[in-house]
Amino acid sequence: MIKKISTVHDDGWLEENNIATDSVTLNKWKSTQIELYGKFAKKWKKSSYRVDKLNEIISFLKQHGRVIMVRMPVSKEILAIESNYWKNFDQEIMSLAKNQSISYFSYSNSEGYNQYDGLHLNKNNGKKLTQTLCDSIIK
């Protein structure tokens, strides 16, 4: 299931080892992701079933430790599609987190976390976000 060009580290990090560095390829990847997300957003709709299941998962996980939800940073184009698809996502997830007495950190509007395809952080930005998240949890 894992590509041979990927490495799964002991801490669970899946490192892609074959990421292009040229801007032409990266822009093509990003355009493809934006196009795919745009098509998904036209077909899909918010699912109360999935929200209910998320609540169930959180309740289950709370029995085994501290639960923290994180919304990862994405490109402005992907965020615009997500915001159109589910207009009040952050507010609803914050409410869900409050009702479950868990933390929710949204980095969706965070500048400075570039994605190589509009969705996935590169290694350095992954480390940077991890540090930011750890600092947020400590606070």
N, C-alpha and C. Protein backbone atom coordinates (compact mmCIF):
# COMPACT_ATOMS: atom_id res chain seq x y z
N MET A 1 0.81 -1.19 0.00
CA MET A 1 0.00 0.00 0.00
C MET A 1 0.86 1.27 0.00
N ILE A 2 1.99 1.22 0.68
CA ILE A 2 2.89 2.37 0.72
C ILE A 2 3.84 2.28 -0.47
N LYS A 3 3.96 3.38 -1.18
CA LYS A 3 4.85 3.42 -2.34
C LYS A 3 6.28 3.14 -1.90
N LYS A 4 7.03 2.52 -2.77
CA LYS A 4 8.43 2.24 -2.47
C LYS A 4 9.24 3.52 -2.33
N ILE A 5 8.73 4.60 -2.86
CA ILE A 5 9.46 5.87 -2.77
C ILE A 5 9.08 6.65 -1.52
N SER A 6 8.35 6.00 -0.61
CA SER A 6 7.95 6.62 0.64
C SER A 6 8.61 5.88 1.80
N THR A 7 8.76 6.59 2.90
CA THR A 7 9.32 6.00 4.11
C THR A 7 8.34 6.21 5.24
N VAL A 8 7.99 5.14 5.95
CA VAL A 8 7.17 5.25 7.14
C VAL A 8 8.12 5.23 8.34
N HIS A 9 8.16 6.34 9.07
CA HIS A 9 9.05 6.47 10.23
C HIS A 9 8.40 5.85 11.46
N ASP A 10 9.20 5.56 12.47
CA ASP A 10 8.72 4.93 13.70
C ASP A 10 7.63 5.75 14.39
N ASP A 11 7.64 7.07 14.19
CA ASP A 11 6.64 7.93 14.84
C ASP A 11 5.36 8.07 14.01
N GLY A 12 5.27 7.33 12.87
CA GLY A 12 4.06 7.35 12.06
C GLY A 12 4.11 8.30 10.87
N TRP A 13 5.14 9.11 10.79
CA TRP A 13 5.26 10.07 9.70
C TRP A 13 5.53 9.32 8.40
N LEU A 14 4.67 9.57 7.40
CA LEU A 14 4.88 9.02 6.07
C LEU A 14 5.61 10.07 5.24
N GLU A 15 6.87 9.82 4.97
CA GLU A 15 7.69 10.77 4.22
C GLU A 15 7.73 10.38 2.76
N GLU A 16 7.28 11.30 1.92
CA GLU A 16 7.37 11.11 0.47
C GLU A 16 8.79 11.48 0.05
N ASN A 17 9.45 10.57 -0.63
CA ASN A 17 10.84 10.82 -1.03
C ASN A 17 10.98 11.18 -2.50
N ASN A 18 9.87 11.34 -3.18
CA ASN A 18 9.93 11.61 -4.62
C ASN A 18 9.12 12.86 -4.97
N ILE A 19 9.30 13.91 -4.21
CA ILE A 19 8.55 15.14 -4.46
C ILE A 19 9.35 16.01 -5.42
N ALA A 20 8.69 16.43 -6.47
CA ALA A 20 9.34 17.28 -7.47
C ALA A 20 9.75 18.61 -6.83
N THR A 21 10.75 19.23 -7.43
CA THR A 21 11.19 20.53 -6.93
C THR A 21 10.99 21.64 -7.96
N ASP A 22 10.70 21.27 -9.20
CA ASP A 22 10.53 22.29 -10.22
C ASP A 22 9.12 22.87 -10.17
N SER A 23 9.02 24.16 -10.38
CA SER A 23 7.75 24.87 -10.23
C SER A 23 6.70 24.43 -11.25
N VAL A 24 7.10 24.02 -12.43
CA VAL A 24 6.14 23.59 -13.45
C VAL A 24 5.39 22.34 -12.96
N THR A 25 6.11 21.35 -12.48
CA THR A 25 5.48 20.12 -11.98
C THR A 25 4.63 20.41 -10.75
N LEU A 26 5.16 21.20 -9.82
CA LEU A 26 4.42 21.52 -8.60
C LEU A 26 3.13 22.28 -8.91
N ASN A 27 3.18 23.22 -9.83
CA ASN A 27 1.97 23.96 -10.22
C ASN A 27 0.95 23.04 -10.89
N LYS A 28 1.43 22.08 -11.66
CA LYS A 28 0.52 21.11 -12.29
C LYS A 28 -0.15 20.25 -11.22
N TRP A 29 0.61 19.77 -10.25
CA TRP A 29 0.03 18.99 -9.15
C TRP A 29 -1.03 19.79 -8.42
N LYS A 30 -0.70 21.06 -8.14
CA LYS A 30 -1.64 21.92 -7.41
C LYS A 30 -2.91 22.14 -8.23
N SER A 31 -2.75 22.41 -9.51
CA SER A 31 -3.92 22.61 -10.38
C SER A 31 -4.80 21.37 -10.42
N THR A 32 -4.17 20.21 -10.47
CA THR A 32 -4.92 18.95 -10.48
C THR A 32 -5.71 18.77 -9.19
N GLN A 33 -5.09 19.05 -8.05
CA GLN A 33 -5.77 18.93 -6.76
C GLN A 33 -6.94 19.91 -6.67
N ILE A 34 -6.73 21.12 -7.10
CA ILE A 34 -7.80 22.14 -7.06
C ILE A 34 -8.97 21.70 -7.94
N GLU A 35 -8.65 21.18 -9.12
CA GLU A 35 -9.71 20.71 -10.03
C GLU A 35 -10.48 19.54 -9.39
N LEU A 36 -9.77 18.59 -8.83
CA LEU A 36 -10.42 17.45 -8.17
C LEU A 36 -11.31 17.90 -7.01
N TYR A 37 -10.78 18.76 -6.16
CA TYR A 37 -11.55 19.26 -5.02
C TYR A 37 -12.79 20.01 -5.48
N GLY A 38 -12.63 20.79 -6.53
CA GLY A 38 -13.78 21.53 -7.06
C GLY A 38 -14.88 20.59 -7.54
N LYS A 39 -14.48 19.50 -8.20
CA LYS A 39 -15.46 18.50 -8.66
C LYS A 39 -16.13 17.80 -7.48
N PHE A 40 -15.34 17.45 -6.47
CA PHE A 40 -15.91 16.80 -5.29
C PHE A 40 -16.93 17.71 -4.62
N ALA A 41 -16.58 18.97 -4.48
CA ALA A 41 -17.45 19.91 -3.77
C ALA A 41 -18.78 20.11 -4.49
N LYS A 42 -18.82 19.89 -5.79
CA LYS A 42 -20.07 20.01 -6.53
C LYS A 42 -20.97 18.80 -6.32
N LYS A 43 -20.37 17.63 -6.04
CA LYS A 43 -21.13 16.39 -5.87
C LYS A 43 -21.50 16.13 -4.42
N TRP A 44 -20.63 16.50 -3.51
CA TRP A 44 -20.79 16.13 -2.12
C TRP A 44 -21.55 17.18 -1.35
N LYS A 45 -22.06 16.80 -0.19
CA LYS A 45 -22.68 17.75 0.72
C LYS A 45 -22.33 17.36 2.14
N LYS A 46 -22.49 18.28 3.02
CA LYS A 46 -22.21 18.02 4.44
C LYS A 46 -23.08 16.85 4.90
N SER A 47 -22.47 15.96 5.67
CA SER A 47 -23.17 14.76 6.11
C SER A 47 -23.35 14.77 7.63
N SER A 48 -24.58 14.83 8.08
CA SER A 48 -24.84 14.78 9.52
C SER A 48 -24.44 13.40 10.07
N TYR A 49 -24.52 12.37 9.24
CA TYR A 49 -24.10 11.03 9.64
C TYR A 49 -22.61 11.04 10.01
N ARG A 50 -21.80 11.67 9.18
CA ARG A 50 -20.36 11.73 9.44
C ARG A 50 -20.04 12.56 10.67
N VAL A 51 -20.78 13.64 10.88
CA VAL A 51 -20.58 14.46 12.09
C VAL A 51 -20.93 13.63 13.32
N ASP A 52 -22.03 12.89 13.25
CA ASP A 52 -22.40 12.01 14.36
C ASP A 52 -21.31 10.97 14.63
N LYS A 53 -20.77 10.39 13.57
CA LYS A 53 -19.71 9.39 13.73
C LYS A 53 -18.44 10.02 14.29
N LEU A 54 -18.14 11.25 13.91
CA LEU A 54 -16.99 11.96 14.47
C LEU A 54 -17.18 12.11 15.98
N ASN A 55 -18.38 12.48 16.40
CA ASN A 55 -18.68 12.57 17.83
C ASN A 55 -18.45 11.23 18.53
N GLU A 56 -18.89 10.16 17.90
CA GLU A 56 -18.70 8.82 18.48
C GLU A 56 -17.22 8.47 18.59
N ILE A 57 -16.46 8.78 17.55
CA ILE A 57 -15.03 8.49 17.57
C ILE A 57 -14.34 9.27 18.69
N ILE A 58 -14.70 10.54 18.83
CA ILE A 58 -14.11 11.36 19.89
C ILE A 58 -14.45 10.77 21.26
N SER A 59 -15.69 10.40 21.46
CA SER A 59 -16.10 9.80 22.74
C SER A 59 -15.30 8.53 23.02
N PHE A 60 -15.11 7.71 22.00
CA PHE A 60 -14.33 6.48 22.16
C PHE A 60 -12.88 6.81 22.51
N LEU A 61 -12.27 7.72 21.76
CA LEU A 61 -10.86 8.05 21.97
C LEU A 61 -10.62 8.69 23.34
N LYS A 62 -11.57 9.46 23.82
CA LYS A 62 -11.42 10.10 25.13
C LYS A 62 -11.27 9.07 26.25
N GLN A 63 -11.76 7.87 26.04
CA GLN A 63 -11.60 6.80 27.03
C GLN A 63 -10.15 6.33 27.12
N HIS A 64 -9.37 6.68 26.11
CA HIS A 64 -8.00 6.17 26.02
C HIS A 64 -6.94 7.26 26.11
N GLY A 65 -7.35 8.50 26.24
CA GLY A 65 -6.36 9.58 26.35
C GLY A 65 -6.95 10.91 25.94
N ARG A 66 -6.09 11.89 25.86
CA ARG A 66 -6.48 13.25 25.49
C ARG A 66 -6.70 13.32 23.99
N VAL A 67 -7.79 13.97 23.58
CA VAL A 67 -8.13 14.10 22.17
C VAL A 67 -7.99 15.56 21.76
N ILE A 68 -7.31 15.77 20.66
CA ILE A 68 -7.13 17.11 20.10
C ILE A 68 -7.43 17.02 18.61
N MET A 69 -8.29 17.92 18.12
CA MET A 69 -8.57 17.97 16.68
C MET A 69 -7.78 19.10 16.06
N VAL A 70 -7.28 18.85 14.86
CA VAL A 70 -6.46 19.83 14.16
C VAL A 70 -6.95 19.94 12.73
N ARG A 71 -7.16 21.18 12.30
CA ARG A 71 -7.43 21.44 10.88
C ARG A 71 -6.14 21.92 10.25
N MET A 72 -5.67 21.16 9.29
CA MET A 72 -4.39 21.44 8.67
C MET A 72 -4.47 22.63 7.72
N PRO A 73 -3.34 23.31 7.53
CA PRO A 73 -3.32 24.41 6.55
C PRO A 73 -3.38 23.86 5.13
N VAL A 74 -4.10 24.57 4.30
CA VAL A 74 -4.19 24.23 2.88
C VAL A 74 -3.99 25.52 2.08
N SER A 75 -3.85 25.38 0.78
CA SER A 75 -3.69 26.56 -0.07
C SER A 75 -4.96 27.41 -0.04
N LYS A 76 -4.82 28.65 -0.42
CA LYS A 76 -5.98 29.56 -0.46
C LYS A 76 -7.07 29.04 -1.39
N GLU A 77 -6.66 28.43 -2.49
CA GLU A 77 -7.63 27.91 -3.46
C GLU A 77 -8.43 26.74 -2.88
N ILE A 78 -7.75 25.83 -2.20
CA ILE A 78 -8.43 24.69 -1.57
C ILE A 78 -9.32 25.19 -0.44
N LEU A 79 -8.83 26.13 0.35
CA LEU A 79 -9.62 26.68 1.45
C LEU A 79 -10.90 27.35 0.92
N ALA A 80 -10.81 28.03 -0.21
CA ALA A 80 -11.99 28.67 -0.80
C ALA A 80 -13.03 27.61 -1.19
N ILE A 81 -12.56 26.51 -1.75
CA ILE A 81 -13.49 25.42 -2.11
C ILE A 81 -14.12 24.84 -0.85
N GLU A 82 -13.29 24.57 0.16
CA GLU A 82 -13.81 24.01 1.42
C GLU A 82 -14.82 24.97 2.06
N SER A 83 -14.51 26.25 2.04
CA SER A 83 -15.39 27.25 2.67
C SER A 83 -16.72 27.36 1.93
N ASN A 84 -16.70 27.17 0.63
CA ASN A 84 -17.92 27.18 -0.15
C ASN A 84 -18.75 25.92 0.11
N TYR A 85 -18.05 24.80 0.25
CA TYR A 85 -18.68 23.51 0.48
C TYR A 85 -19.35 23.44 1.85
N TRP A 86 -18.65 23.92 2.88
CA TRP A 86 -19.15 23.87 4.26
C TRP A 86 -18.82 25.21 4.90
N LYS A 87 -19.73 26.14 4.76
CA LYS A 87 -19.49 27.54 5.11
C LYS A 87 -19.06 27.78 6.55
N ASN A 88 -19.65 27.10 7.50
CA ASN A 88 -19.36 27.35 8.91
C ASN A 88 -18.56 26.22 9.55
N PHE A 89 -17.68 25.62 8.80
CA PHE A 89 -16.97 24.44 9.28
C PHE A 89 -16.28 24.70 10.61
N ASP A 90 -15.42 25.70 10.68
CA ASP A 90 -14.67 25.94 11.91
C ASP A 90 -15.58 26.20 13.10
N GLN A 91 -16.63 26.99 12.90
CA GLN A 91 -17.55 27.28 14.00
C GLN A 91 -18.25 25.99 14.48
N GLU A 92 -18.67 25.17 13.54
CA GLU A 92 -19.36 23.93 13.91
C GLU A 92 -18.42 22.94 14.60
N ILE A 93 -17.20 22.85 14.10
CA ILE A 93 -16.23 21.94 14.72
C ILE A 93 -15.81 22.48 16.09
N MET A 94 -15.68 23.79 16.22
CA MET A 94 -15.37 24.37 17.53
C MET A 94 -16.49 24.06 18.53
N SER A 95 -17.72 24.15 18.08
CA SER A 95 -18.86 23.84 18.93
C SER A 95 -18.84 22.36 19.33
N LEU A 96 -18.58 21.50 18.37
CA LEU A 96 -18.48 20.07 18.65
C LEU A 96 -17.37 19.81 19.67
N ALA A 97 -16.22 20.45 19.48
CA ALA A 97 -15.09 20.27 20.40
C ALA A 97 -15.46 20.77 21.80
N LYS A 98 -16.12 21.90 21.87
CA LYS A 98 -16.53 22.44 23.17
C LYS A 98 -17.49 21.48 23.86
N ASN A 99 -18.47 20.95 23.13
CA ASN A 99 -19.42 20.00 23.70
C ASN A 99 -18.74 18.72 24.18
N GLN A 100 -17.65 18.35 23.52
CA GLN A 100 -16.90 17.15 23.88
C GLN A 100 -15.78 17.45 24.89
N SER A 101 -15.60 18.73 25.22
CA SER A 101 -14.53 19.17 26.14
C SER A 101 -13.14 18.77 25.63
N ILE A 102 -12.92 19.02 24.34
CA ILE A 102 -11.60 18.76 23.75
C ILE A 102 -11.11 20.04 23.08
N SER A 103 -9.84 20.04 22.72
CA SER A 103 -9.25 21.18 22.03
C SER A 103 -9.39 21.04 20.52
N TYR A 104 -9.55 22.18 19.86
CA TYR A 104 -9.58 22.22 18.40
C TYR A 104 -8.70 23.36 17.95
N PHE A 105 -7.73 23.05 17.11
CA PHE A 105 -6.83 24.06 16.57
C PHE A 105 -7.00 24.09 15.06
N SER A 106 -7.37 25.25 14.54
CA SER A 106 -7.53 25.40 13.10
C SER A 106 -6.39 26.22 12.55
N TYR A 107 -5.65 25.62 11.66
CA TYR A 107 -4.56 26.32 10.98
C TYR A 107 -4.90 26.56 9.51
N SER A 108 -6.19 26.49 9.19
CA SER A 108 -6.61 26.62 7.79
C SER A 108 -6.27 27.99 7.21
N ASN A 109 -6.29 29.02 8.02
CA ASN A 109 -5.98 30.37 7.53
C ASN A 109 -4.54 30.78 7.81
N SER A 110 -3.71 29.82 8.19
CA SER A 110 -2.34 30.13 8.56
C SER A 110 -1.48 30.39 7.33
N GLU A 111 -0.86 31.53 7.33
CA GLU A 111 0.09 31.86 6.26
C GLU A 111 1.44 31.23 6.59
N GLY A 112 2.23 31.00 5.58
CA GLY A 112 3.58 30.53 5.80
C GLY A 112 3.75 29.03 5.85
N TYR A 113 2.68 28.30 5.58
CA TYR A 113 2.78 26.84 5.50
C TYR A 113 2.47 26.43 4.07
N ASN A 114 3.48 26.43 3.24
CA ASN A 114 3.27 26.11 1.83
C ASN A 114 3.08 24.61 1.65
N GLN A 115 2.19 24.28 0.73
CA GLN A 115 1.94 22.90 0.38
C GLN A 115 2.50 22.65 -1.02
N TYR A 116 3.05 21.48 -1.24
CA TYR A 116 3.62 21.23 -2.56
C TYR A 116 2.55 20.96 -3.61
N ASP A 117 1.31 20.63 -3.18
CA ASP A 117 0.24 20.39 -4.14
C ASP A 117 -1.07 21.07 -3.73
N GLY A 118 -1.00 22.00 -2.81
CA GLY A 118 -2.20 22.68 -2.32
C GLY A 118 -2.77 22.05 -1.07
N LEU A 119 -2.35 20.81 -0.78
CA LEU A 119 -2.88 20.06 0.37
C LEU A 119 -1.82 19.56 1.34
N HIS A 120 -0.72 19.08 0.84
CA HIS A 120 0.27 18.39 1.66
C HIS A 120 1.48 19.28 1.94
N LEU A 121 1.86 19.32 3.20
CA LEU A 121 3.01 20.12 3.61
C LEU A 121 4.30 19.41 3.24
N ASN A 122 5.29 20.20 2.87
CA ASN A 122 6.61 19.59 2.67
C ASN A 122 7.24 19.34 4.04
N LYS A 123 8.38 18.67 4.04
CA LYS A 123 9.04 18.25 5.28
C LYS A 123 9.27 19.42 6.23
N ASN A 124 9.83 20.51 5.74
CA ASN A 124 10.16 21.64 6.62
C ASN A 124 8.91 22.31 7.18
N ASN A 125 7.88 22.46 6.36
CA ASN A 125 6.64 23.06 6.85
C ASN A 125 5.92 22.11 7.81
N GLY A 126 6.07 20.81 7.61
CA GLY A 126 5.52 19.84 8.55
C GLY A 126 6.15 19.98 9.93
N LYS A 127 7.47 20.14 9.95
CA LYS A 127 8.17 20.36 11.23
C LYS A 127 7.74 21.67 11.88
N LYS A 128 7.61 22.70 11.05
CA LYS A 128 7.20 24.02 11.56
C LYS A 128 5.79 23.95 12.17
N LEU A 129 4.85 23.29 11.47
CA LEU A 129 3.50 23.17 12.00
C LEU A 129 3.48 22.32 13.26
N THR A 130 4.28 21.26 13.29
CA THR A 130 4.35 20.42 14.49
C THR A 130 4.78 21.24 15.69
N GLN A 131 5.78 22.10 15.51
CA GLN A 131 6.24 22.96 16.61
C GLN A 131 5.15 23.92 17.04
N THR A 132 4.46 24.51 16.07
CA THR A 132 3.37 25.45 16.38
C THR A 132 2.25 24.72 17.13
N LEU A 133 1.90 23.53 16.68
CA LEU A 133 0.87 22.76 17.36
C LEU A 133 1.28 22.40 18.78
N CYS A 134 2.51 21.96 18.95
CA CYS A 134 3.00 21.63 20.30
C CYS A 134 2.92 22.85 21.21
N ASP A 135 3.33 24.01 20.70
CA ASP A 135 3.26 25.25 21.49
C ASP A 135 1.81 25.56 21.86
N SER A 136 0.88 25.36 20.91
CA SER A 136 -0.54 25.61 21.18
C SER A 136 -1.08 24.66 22.25
N ILE A 137 -0.67 23.42 22.19
CA ILE A 137 -1.14 22.43 23.17
C ILE A 137 -0.61 22.79 24.57
N ILE A 138 0.65 23.19 24.65
CA ILE A 138 1.25 23.55 25.94
C ILE A 138 0.53 24.73 26.56
N LYS A 139 0.12 25.70 25.73
CA LYS A 139 -0.61 26.88 26.25
C LYS A 139 -1.93 26.46 26.80
